Every structure is written in structure tokens, then in C-alpha cells.
Amino acid sequence: MDRATLIHVELSDAERQMLIAALLRWGGPAAPTESPSTAMGFHGLPTFGQEFA
């Protein structure tokens, strides 16, 4: 599979909220990017940051 291929995963609202909370609390070296924020159902990184940062 090509790394650029997007895979759609259905997440419930509760699962999406848990994933977002975990990523925000992780505190690791990673920073949110456009692709994961879009995969989580946001319209890109700016809307992810507005709602959860």
C-alpha cells in the first residue's frame, strides 16, 4: 500500500473524543498535522486547534 493512500476508519463520537484527548495529553515529540486532524473528522488542523487546543 502506498503511504499516501488514505484509509477511512469509522469512529464513534466517544472513540474520536478519546483519541483526541489522548493525543493532546500525550506530550510526546509529535505535533498534530493536517492528515490526522482530517482523518479524525475535522476540516484540517485549524479547526482541530480551535475546538480542542
C-alpha atoms as a PDB file:
ATOM      1  CA  MET A   1       0.000   0.000   0.000  1.00  0.00           C
ATOM      2  CA  ASP A   2       1.240   3.467  -0.883  1.00  0.00           C
ATOM      3  CA  ARG A   3       1.901   5.694   2.147  1.00  0.00           C
ATOM      4  CA  ALA A   4      -0.229   8.400   0.534  1.00  0.00           C
ATOM      5  CA  THR A   5      -3.290   6.138   0.424  1.00  0.00           C
ATOM      6  CA  LEU A   6      -5.924   7.281   2.888  1.00  0.00           C
ATOM      7  CA  ILE A   7      -7.794   4.663   4.887  1.00  0.00           C
ATOM      8  CA  HIS A   8     -11.180   5.598   6.298  1.00  0.00           C
ATOM      9  CA  VAL A   9     -11.902   4.231   9.778  1.00  0.00           C
ATOM     10  CA  GLU A  10     -15.342   4.667  11.295  1.00  0.00           C
ATOM     11  CA  LEU A  11     -15.102   6.015  14.842  1.00  0.00           C
ATOM     12  CA  SER A  12     -17.939   6.721  17.206  1.00  0.00           C
ATOM     13  CA  ASP A  13     -18.047  10.163  18.787  1.00  0.00           C
ATOM     14  CA  ALA A  14     -16.765   8.648  22.045  1.00  0.00           C
ATOM     15  CA  GLU A  15     -13.854   6.942  20.266  1.00  0.00           C
ATOM     16  CA  ARG A  16     -12.957  10.148  18.420  1.00  0.00           C
ATOM     17  CA  GLN A  17     -13.051  12.155  21.669  1.00  0.00           C
ATOM     18  CA  MET A  18     -10.834   9.583  23.411  1.00  0.00           C
ATOM     19  CA  LEU A  19      -8.309   9.659  20.568  1.00  0.00           C
ATOM     20  CA  ILE A  20      -8.214  13.456  20.555  1.00  0.00           C
ATOM     21  CA  ALA A  21      -7.811  13.625  24.343  1.00  0.00           C
ATOM     22  CA  ALA A  22      -5.030  11.025  24.275  1.00  0.00           C
ATOM     23  CA  LEU A  23      -3.131  12.848  21.539  1.00  0.00           C
ATOM     24  CA  LEU A  24      -3.420  16.171  23.343  1.00  0.00           C
ATOM     25  CA  ARG A  25      -2.279  14.698  26.675  1.00  0.00           C
ATOM     26  CA  TRP A  26       0.499  12.570  25.258  1.00  0.00           C
ATOM     27  CA  GLY A  27       3.066  15.352  25.325  1.00  0.00           C
ATOM     28  CA  GLY A  28       5.436  13.448  23.078  1.00  0.00           C
ATOM     29  CA  PRO A  29       7.629  14.892  20.354  1.00  0.00           C
ATOM     30  CA  ALA A  30       4.864  14.722  17.768  1.00  0.00           C
ATOM     31  CA  ALA A  31       2.699  17.652  16.851  1.00  0.00           C
ATOM     32  CA  PRO A  32      -0.690  17.429  15.165  1.00  0.00           C
ATOM     33  CA  THR A  33      -0.628  17.648  11.403  1.00  0.00           C
ATOM     34  CA  GLU A  34      -3.187  18.130   8.667  1.00  0.00           C
ATOM     35  CA  SER A  35      -3.631  14.421   7.840  1.00  0.00           C
ATOM     36  CA  PRO A  36      -4.535  13.098  11.312  1.00  0.00           C
ATOM     37  CA  SER A  37      -6.823  16.041  12.016  1.00  0.00           C
ATOM     38  CA  THR A  38      -8.654  15.410   8.746  1.00  0.00           C
ATOM     39  CA  ALA A  39      -8.798  11.676   9.488  1.00  0.00           C
ATOM     40  CA  MET A  40     -10.458  12.467  12.818  1.00  0.00           C
ATOM     41  CA  GLY A  41     -13.243  14.321  11.034  1.00  0.00           C
ATOM     42  CA  PHE A  42     -12.064  17.919  11.244  1.00  0.00           C
ATOM     43  CA  HIS A  43     -11.737  20.281   8.307  1.00  0.00           C
ATOM     44  CA  GLY A  44      -7.997  20.450   8.773  1.00  0.00           C
ATOM     45  CA  LEU A  45      -5.620  21.442  11.513  1.00  0.00           C
ATOM     46  CA  PRO A  46      -7.067  24.920  12.217  1.00  0.00           C
ATOM     47  CA  THR A  47     -10.467  23.514  13.201  1.00  0.00           C
ATOM     48  CA  PHE A  48      -8.821  20.835  15.354  1.00  0.00           C
ATOM     49  CA  GLY A  49      -6.875  23.506  17.218  1.00  0.00           C
ATOM     50  CA  GLN A  50      -9.895  25.773  17.657  1.00  0.00           C
ATOM     51  CA  GLU A  51     -12.010  23.072  19.217  1.00  0.00           C
ATOM     52  CA  PHE A  52      -9.508  21.119  21.319  1.00  0.00           C
ATOM     53  CA  ALA A  53      -6.275  23.041  21.839  1.00  0.00           C
END
